[in-house]
Amino acid sequence: MKRLNIHFLLLLTGIFSCAFQTSGEREYQVKAAFLFNFTQFVEWPAGSSEATGSPFVIGILGENPFGNYLREIIAGERVNGHLLTIQQYKNADEIKLCHILFINPTDNKHIREVITALKGRSILTVSDAANFIDAGGIIRLSTINNKIRIQVNPAKAKEAGLTISAKLLGVADIVSPNNN
């Protein structure tokens, strides 16, 4: 895990450039690394991980844009003693135990429905959809000049019972939805 945390910290401080071909596989490799490293910069409330031995789940709703890369990154890794695992979901009704959810809908107008279905649950919602923050999402990974930017909606994180570290907030664009 230290290997990726060092790269993530370098990304955060601007020393390491994460330039890539916008439409290429590299973009989602970088986004997969961000998802993994969010486990180190977000705090979930006590009791959000079920019993001892239950996994820490990174979910993907919709098509998986990461290929096998996210699975390779998390292989054998743990968060607070919980083994990291990936779950793929076709719809929000399938989501049971989940800590981080990457939402990759084929139709952006369904994002608000998904966010509403997850209301009251301690799930860090992440997407790269343009309307994600306005729909009530917590973290949007946007691509600007071939670099990944992090947009965070702290109010929605707080509603979900999540605490985002000052280190992450310090490098993110703090935003709020237009439709509160």
C-alpha atoms as a PDB file:
ATOM      1  CA  MET A   1       0.000   0.000   0.000  1.00  0.00           C
ATOM      2  CA  LYS A   2       2.887   2.380   0.694  1.00  0.00           C
ATOM      3  CA  ARG A   3       3.893   2.314  -2.968  1.00  0.00           C
ATOM      4  CA  LEU A   4       0.538   3.769  -4.073  1.00  0.00           C
ATOM      5  CA  ASN A   5       0.233   6.188  -1.161  1.00  0.00           C
ATOM      6  CA  ILE A   6       3.574   7.739  -2.096  1.00  0.00           C
ATOM      7  CA  HIS A   7       2.382   8.184  -5.685  1.00  0.00           C
ATOM      8  CA  PHE A   8      -0.913   9.610  -4.474  1.00  0.00           C
ATOM      9  CA  LEU A   9       0.810  12.081  -2.156  1.00  0.00           C
ATOM     10  CA  LEU A  10       3.057  13.136  -5.016  1.00  0.00           C
ATOM     11  CA  LEU A  11      -0.051  13.657  -7.156  1.00  0.00           C
ATOM     12  CA  LEU A  12      -1.606  15.716  -4.390  1.00  0.00           C
ATOM     13  CA  THR A  13       1.408  17.954  -3.968  1.00  0.00           C
ATOM     14  CA  GLY A  14       1.805  18.502  -7.701  1.00  0.00           C
ATOM     15  CA  ILE A  15       5.310  17.036  -7.918  1.00  0.00           C
ATOM     16  CA  PHE A  16       4.191  14.096 -10.059  1.00  0.00           C
ATOM     17  CA  SER A  17       2.351  14.843 -13.273  1.00  0.00           C
ATOM     18  CA  CYS A  18      -0.531  12.547 -14.109  1.00  0.00           C
ATOM     19  CA  ALA A  19      -0.738  13.464 -17.760  1.00  0.00           C
ATOM     20  CA  PHE A  20      -2.284  10.818 -19.991  1.00  0.00           C
ATOM     21  CA  GLN A  21      -4.166  10.329 -23.200  1.00  0.00           C
ATOM     22  CA  THR A  22      -7.685  11.497 -22.316  1.00  0.00           C
ATOM     23  CA  SER A  23      -9.554   8.620 -23.947  1.00  0.00           C
ATOM     24  CA  GLY A  24      -6.956   6.004 -23.113  1.00  0.00           C
ATOM     25  CA  GLU A  25      -6.645   3.258 -20.589  1.00  0.00           C
ATOM     26  CA  ARG A  26      -4.159   5.327 -18.558  1.00  0.00           C
ATOM     27  CA  GLU A  27      -6.897   7.737 -17.443  1.00  0.00           C
ATOM     28  CA  TYR A  28      -8.787   4.955 -15.688  1.00  0.00           C
ATOM     29  CA  GLN A  29      -5.600   3.512 -14.223  1.00  0.00           C
ATOM     30  CA  VAL A  30      -5.033   6.879 -12.535  1.00  0.00           C
ATOM     31  CA  LYS A  31      -8.684   7.044 -11.428  1.00  0.00           C
ATOM     32  CA  ALA A  32      -8.395   3.504 -10.015  1.00  0.00           C
ATOM     33  CA  ALA A  33      -5.398   4.635  -7.968  1.00  0.00           C
ATOM     34  CA  PHE A  34      -7.459   7.563  -6.662  1.00  0.00           C
ATOM     35  CA  LEU A  35     -10.295   5.209  -5.623  1.00  0.00           C
ATOM     36  CA  PHE A  36      -7.868   2.986  -3.768  1.00  0.00           C
ATOM     37  CA  ASN A  37      -6.180   5.901  -2.029  1.00  0.00           C
ATOM     38  CA  PHE A  38      -9.468   7.449  -0.926  1.00  0.00           C
ATOM     39  CA  THR A  39      -9.523   4.614   1.630  1.00  0.00           C
ATOM     40  CA  GLN A  40      -6.646   6.424   3.374  1.00  0.00           C
ATOM     41  CA  PHE A  41      -8.148   9.937   3.269  1.00  0.00           C
ATOM     42  CA  VAL A  42     -11.766   9.251   4.239  1.00  0.00           C
ATOM     43  CA  GLU A  43     -13.076   8.091   7.597  1.00  0.00           C
ATOM     44  CA  TRP A  44     -16.224   5.970   7.806  1.00  0.00           C
ATOM     45  CA  PRO A  45     -18.383   5.986  10.940  1.00  0.00           C
ATOM     46  CA  ALA A  46     -18.001   3.180  13.461  1.00  0.00           C
ATOM     47  CA  GLY A  47     -20.196   0.272  12.510  1.00  0.00           C
ATOM     48  CA  SER A  48     -20.116   0.967   8.758  1.00  0.00           C
ATOM     49  CA  SER A  49     -17.992  -2.152   8.327  1.00  0.00           C
ATOM     50  CA  GLU A  50     -20.083  -5.068   9.410  1.00  0.00           C
ATOM     51  CA  ALA A  51     -18.610  -7.823  11.566  1.00  0.00           C
ATOM     52  CA  THR A  52     -14.922  -8.519  11.923  1.00  0.00           C
ATOM     53  CA  GLY A  53     -13.758 -10.312   8.825  1.00  0.00           C
ATOM     54  CA  SER A  54     -16.230  -8.609   6.506  1.00  0.00           C
ATOM     55  CA  PRO A  55     -14.640  -6.946   3.481  1.00  0.00           C
ATOM     56  CA  PHE A  56     -14.174  -3.268   2.720  1.00  0.00           C
ATOM     57  CA  VAL A  57     -16.063  -2.934  -0.552  1.00  0.00           C
ATOM     58  CA  ILE A  58     -15.263  -0.720  -3.515  1.00  0.00           C
ATOM     59  CA  GLY A  59     -18.304  -0.986  -5.757  1.00  0.00           C
ATOM     60  CA  ILE A  60     -18.745  -0.151  -9.403  1.00  0.00           C
ATOM     61  CA  LEU A  61     -22.253   0.692 -10.559  1.00  0.00           C
ATOM     62  CA  GLY A  62     -22.627   0.305 -14.297  1.00  0.00           C
ATOM     63  CA  GLU A  63     -19.925  -0.625 -16.750  1.00  0.00           C
ATOM     64  CA  ASN A  64     -16.438  -1.215 -15.315  1.00  0.00           C
ATOM     65  CA  PRO A  65     -14.080   1.315 -16.955  1.00  0.00           C
ATOM     66  CA  PHE A  66     -11.062   0.080 -14.948  1.00  0.00           C
ATOM     67  CA  GLY A  67     -10.617  -3.353 -16.535  1.00  0.00           C
ATOM     68  CA  ASN A  68      -8.538  -5.507 -14.172  1.00  0.00           C
ATOM     69  CA  TYR A  69      -6.413  -2.596 -12.988  1.00  0.00           C
ATOM     70  CA  LEU A  70      -8.439  -1.744  -9.853  1.00  0.00           C
ATOM     71  CA  ARG A  71      -8.508  -5.431  -8.857  1.00  0.00           C
ATOM     72  CA  GLU A  72      -4.713  -5.606  -9.261  1.00  0.00           C
ATOM     73  CA  ILE A  73      -4.207  -2.483  -7.120  1.00  0.00           C
ATOM     74  CA  ILE A  74      -6.283  -3.722  -4.196  1.00  0.00           C
ATOM     75  CA  ALA A  75      -5.103  -7.348  -4.242  1.00  0.00           C
ATOM     76  CA  GLY A  76      -4.236  -8.326  -0.654  1.00  0.00           C
ATOM     77  CA  GLU A  77      -4.754  -4.793   0.705  1.00  0.00           C
ATOM     78  CA  ARG A  78      -6.688  -4.038   3.911  1.00  0.00           C
ATOM     79  CA  VAL A  79      -8.496  -1.042   5.399  1.00  0.00           C
ATOM     80  CA  ASN A  80      -8.701  -1.053   9.193  1.00  0.00           C
ATOM     81  CA  GLY A  81      -8.232  -4.819   9.159  1.00  0.00           C
ATOM     82  CA  HIS A  82     -10.857  -5.419   6.451  1.00  0.00           C
ATOM     83  CA  LEU A  83      -9.743  -7.027   3.196  1.00  0.00           C
ATOM     84  CA  LEU A  84     -10.460  -4.809   0.181  1.00  0.00           C
ATOM     85  CA  THR A  85     -12.757  -6.304  -2.437  1.00  0.00           C
ATOM     86  CA  ILE A  86     -14.587  -5.132  -5.551  1.00  0.00           C
ATOM     87  CA  GLN A  87     -18.286  -5.619  -6.279  1.00  0.00           C
ATOM     88  CA  GLN A  88     -19.961  -4.915  -9.612  1.00  0.00           C
ATOM     89  CA  TYR A  89     -23.579  -3.695  -9.575  1.00  0.00           C
ATOM     90  CA  LYS A  90     -26.115  -3.272 -12.371  1.00  0.00           C
ATOM     91  CA  ASN A  91     -28.505  -1.152 -10.285  1.00  0.00           C
ATOM     92  CA  ALA A  92     -28.664   0.537  -6.883  1.00  0.00           C
ATOM     93  CA  ASP A  93     -31.016  -2.104  -5.464  1.00  0.00           C
ATOM     94  CA  GLU A  94     -28.170  -4.660  -5.554  1.00  0.00           C
ATOM     95  CA  ILE A  95     -25.943  -2.581  -3.264  1.00  0.00           C
ATOM     96  CA  LYS A  96     -25.776  -4.024   0.232  1.00  0.00           C
ATOM     97  CA  LEU A  97     -22.381  -3.610   1.924  1.00  0.00           C
ATOM     98  CA  CYS A  98     -20.400  -0.909   0.093  1.00  0.00           C
ATOM     99  CA  HIS A  99     -17.960   1.783   1.248  1.00  0.00           C
ATOM    100  CA  ILE A 100     -16.842   3.473  -1.970  1.00  0.00           C
ATOM    101  CA  LEU A 101     -19.107   3.417  -5.009  1.00  0.00           C
ATOM    102  CA  PHE A 102     -17.905   4.491  -8.445  1.00  0.00           C
ATOM    103  CA  ILE A 103     -21.013   5.389 -10.431  1.00  0.00           C
ATOM    104  CA  ASN A 104     -20.590   4.935 -14.168  1.00  0.00           C
ATOM    105  CA  PRO A 105     -24.113   5.164 -15.564  1.00  0.00           C
ATOM    106  CA  THR A 106     -24.816   4.789 -19.229  1.00  0.00           C
ATOM    107  CA  ASP A 107     -27.407   7.532 -18.849  1.00  0.00           C
ATOM    108  CA  ASN A 108     -26.435  10.562 -16.706  1.00  0.00           C
ATOM    109  CA  LYS A 109     -30.046  11.447 -15.867  1.00  0.00           C
ATOM    110  CA  HIS A 110     -30.206   8.350 -13.602  1.00  0.00           C
ATOM    111  CA  ILE A 111     -27.445   9.599 -11.303  1.00  0.00           C
ATOM    112  CA  ARG A 112     -29.868  11.556  -9.107  1.00  0.00           C
ATOM    113  CA  GLU A 113     -32.031   8.422  -8.704  1.00  0.00           C
ATOM    114  CA  VAL A 114     -29.009   6.395  -7.600  1.00  0.00           C
ATOM    115  CA  ILE A 115     -27.889   9.067  -5.123  1.00  0.00           C
ATOM    116  CA  THR A 116     -31.428   9.242  -3.707  1.00  0.00           C
ATOM    117  CA  ALA A 117     -31.534   5.437  -3.323  1.00  0.00           C
ATOM    118  CA  LEU A 118     -28.283   5.576  -1.292  1.00  0.00           C
ATOM    119  CA  LYS A 119     -29.417   8.421   0.993  1.00  0.00           C
ATOM    120  CA  GLY A 120     -28.693   7.766   4.651  1.00  0.00           C
ATOM    121  CA  ARG A 121     -25.929   5.251   3.938  1.00  0.00           C
ATOM    122  CA  SER A 122     -22.232   5.812   4.640  1.00  0.00           C
ATOM    123  CA  ILE A 123     -21.085   5.315   1.059  1.00  0.00           C
ATOM    124  CA  LEU A 124     -18.483   7.549  -0.572  1.00  0.00           C
ATOM    125  CA  THR A 125     -19.990   8.169  -4.002  1.00  0.00           C
ATOM    126  CA  VAL A 126     -17.509   8.897  -6.798  1.00  0.00           C
ATOM    127  CA  SER A 127     -18.001   9.494 -10.508  1.00  0.00           C
ATOM    128  CA  ASP A 128     -16.567  11.306 -13.477  1.00  0.00           C
ATOM    129  CA  ALA A 129     -19.998  12.267 -14.835  1.00  0.00           C
ATOM    130  CA  ALA A 130     -20.365  15.982 -15.582  1.00  0.00           C
ATOM    131  CA  ASN A 131     -23.538  16.453 -13.518  1.00  0.00           C
ATOM    132  CA  PHE A 132     -22.418  14.331 -10.555  1.00  0.00           C
ATOM    133  CA  ILE A 133     -22.018  17.053  -7.918  1.00  0.00           C
ATOM    134  CA  ASP A 134     -25.297  18.734  -8.916  1.00  0.00           C
ATOM    135  CA  ALA A 135     -27.008  15.353  -8.563  1.00  0.00           C
ATOM    136  CA  GLY A 136     -25.763  15.061  -4.964  1.00  0.00           C
ATOM    137  CA  GLY A 137     -22.561  13.054  -5.407  1.00  0.00           C
ATOM    138  CA  ILE A 138     -19.602  13.434  -3.049  1.00  0.00           C
ATOM    139  CA  ILE A 139     -16.443  13.243  -5.205  1.00  0.00           C
ATOM    140  CA  ARG A 140     -16.148  13.939  -8.909  1.00  0.00           C
ATOM    141  CA  LEU A 141     -12.983  13.076 -10.786  1.00  0.00           C
ATOM    142  CA  SER A 142     -12.808  15.523 -13.664  1.00  0.00           C
ATOM    143  CA  THR A 143     -10.289  15.652 -16.466  1.00  0.00           C
ATOM    144  CA  ILE A 144      -8.844  19.066 -17.266  1.00  0.00           C
ATOM    145  CA  ASN A 145      -5.862  19.511 -19.590  1.00  0.00           C
ATOM    146  CA  ASN A 146      -5.140  15.771 -19.403  1.00  0.00           C
ATOM    147  CA  LYS A 147      -4.936  15.844 -15.603  1.00  0.00           C
ATOM    148  CA  ILE A 148      -7.309  14.447 -13.029  1.00  0.00           C
ATOM    149  CA  ARG A 149      -8.882  17.050 -10.746  1.00  0.00           C
ATOM    150  CA  ILE A 150     -10.786  16.184  -7.599  1.00  0.00           C
ATOM    151  CA  GLN A 151     -14.015  18.005  -6.813  1.00  0.00           C
ATOM    152  CA  VAL A 152     -15.456  17.369  -3.341  1.00  0.00           C
ATOM    153  CA  ASN A 153     -18.864  18.196  -1.951  1.00  0.00           C
ATOM    154  CA  PRO A 154     -18.160  18.221   1.839  1.00  0.00           C
ATOM    155  CA  ALA A 155     -21.816  18.831   2.740  1.00  0.00           C
ATOM    156  CA  LYS A 156     -22.864  15.575   1.069  1.00  0.00           C
ATOM    157  CA  ALA A 157     -19.948  13.730   2.708  1.00  0.00           C
ATOM    158  CA  LYS A 158     -21.126  14.977   6.093  1.00  0.00           C
ATOM    159  CA  GLU A 159     -24.707  13.885   5.318  1.00  0.00           C
ATOM    160  CA  ALA A 160     -23.334  10.392   4.632  1.00  0.00           C
ATOM    161  CA  GLY A 161     -21.469  10.408   7.961  1.00  0.00           C
ATOM    162  CA  LEU A 162     -18.071  10.512   6.246  1.00  0.00           C
ATOM    163  CA  THR A 163     -15.081  12.604   7.288  1.00  0.00           C
ATOM    164  CA  ILE A 164     -12.733  13.657   4.504  1.00  0.00           C
ATOM    165  CA  SER A 165      -9.206  14.488   5.641  1.00  0.00           C
ATOM    166  CA  ALA A 166      -7.901  18.031   5.457  1.00  0.00           C
ATOM    167  CA  LYS A 167      -5.065  16.741   3.233  1.00  0.00           C
ATOM    168  CA  LEU A 168      -7.516  15.657   0.569  1.00  0.00           C
ATOM    169  CA  LEU A 169      -9.705  18.743   0.959  1.00  0.00           C
ATOM    170  CA  GLY A 170      -6.589  20.911   0.669  1.00  0.00           C
ATOM    171  CA  VAL A 171      -5.907  19.754  -2.884  1.00  0.00           C
ATOM    172  CA  ALA A 172      -9.504  19.379  -4.038  1.00  0.00           C
ATOM    173  CA  ASP A 173     -11.875  21.910  -5.507  1.00  0.00           C
ATOM    174  CA  ILE A 174     -14.566  22.366  -2.862  1.00  0.00           C
ATOM    175  CA  VAL A 175     -17.958  22.535  -4.556  1.00  0.00           C
ATOM    176  CA  SER A 176     -21.633  22.282  -3.730  1.00  0.00           C
ATOM    177  CA  PRO A 177     -24.540  21.320  -5.950  1.00  0.00           C
ATOM    178  CA  ASN A 178     -26.499  23.996  -7.757  1.00  0.00           C
ATOM    179  CA  ASN A 179     -29.734  22.272  -6.719  1.00  0.00           C
ATOM    180  CA  ASN A 180     -29.684  21.950  -2.932  1.00  0.00           C
END
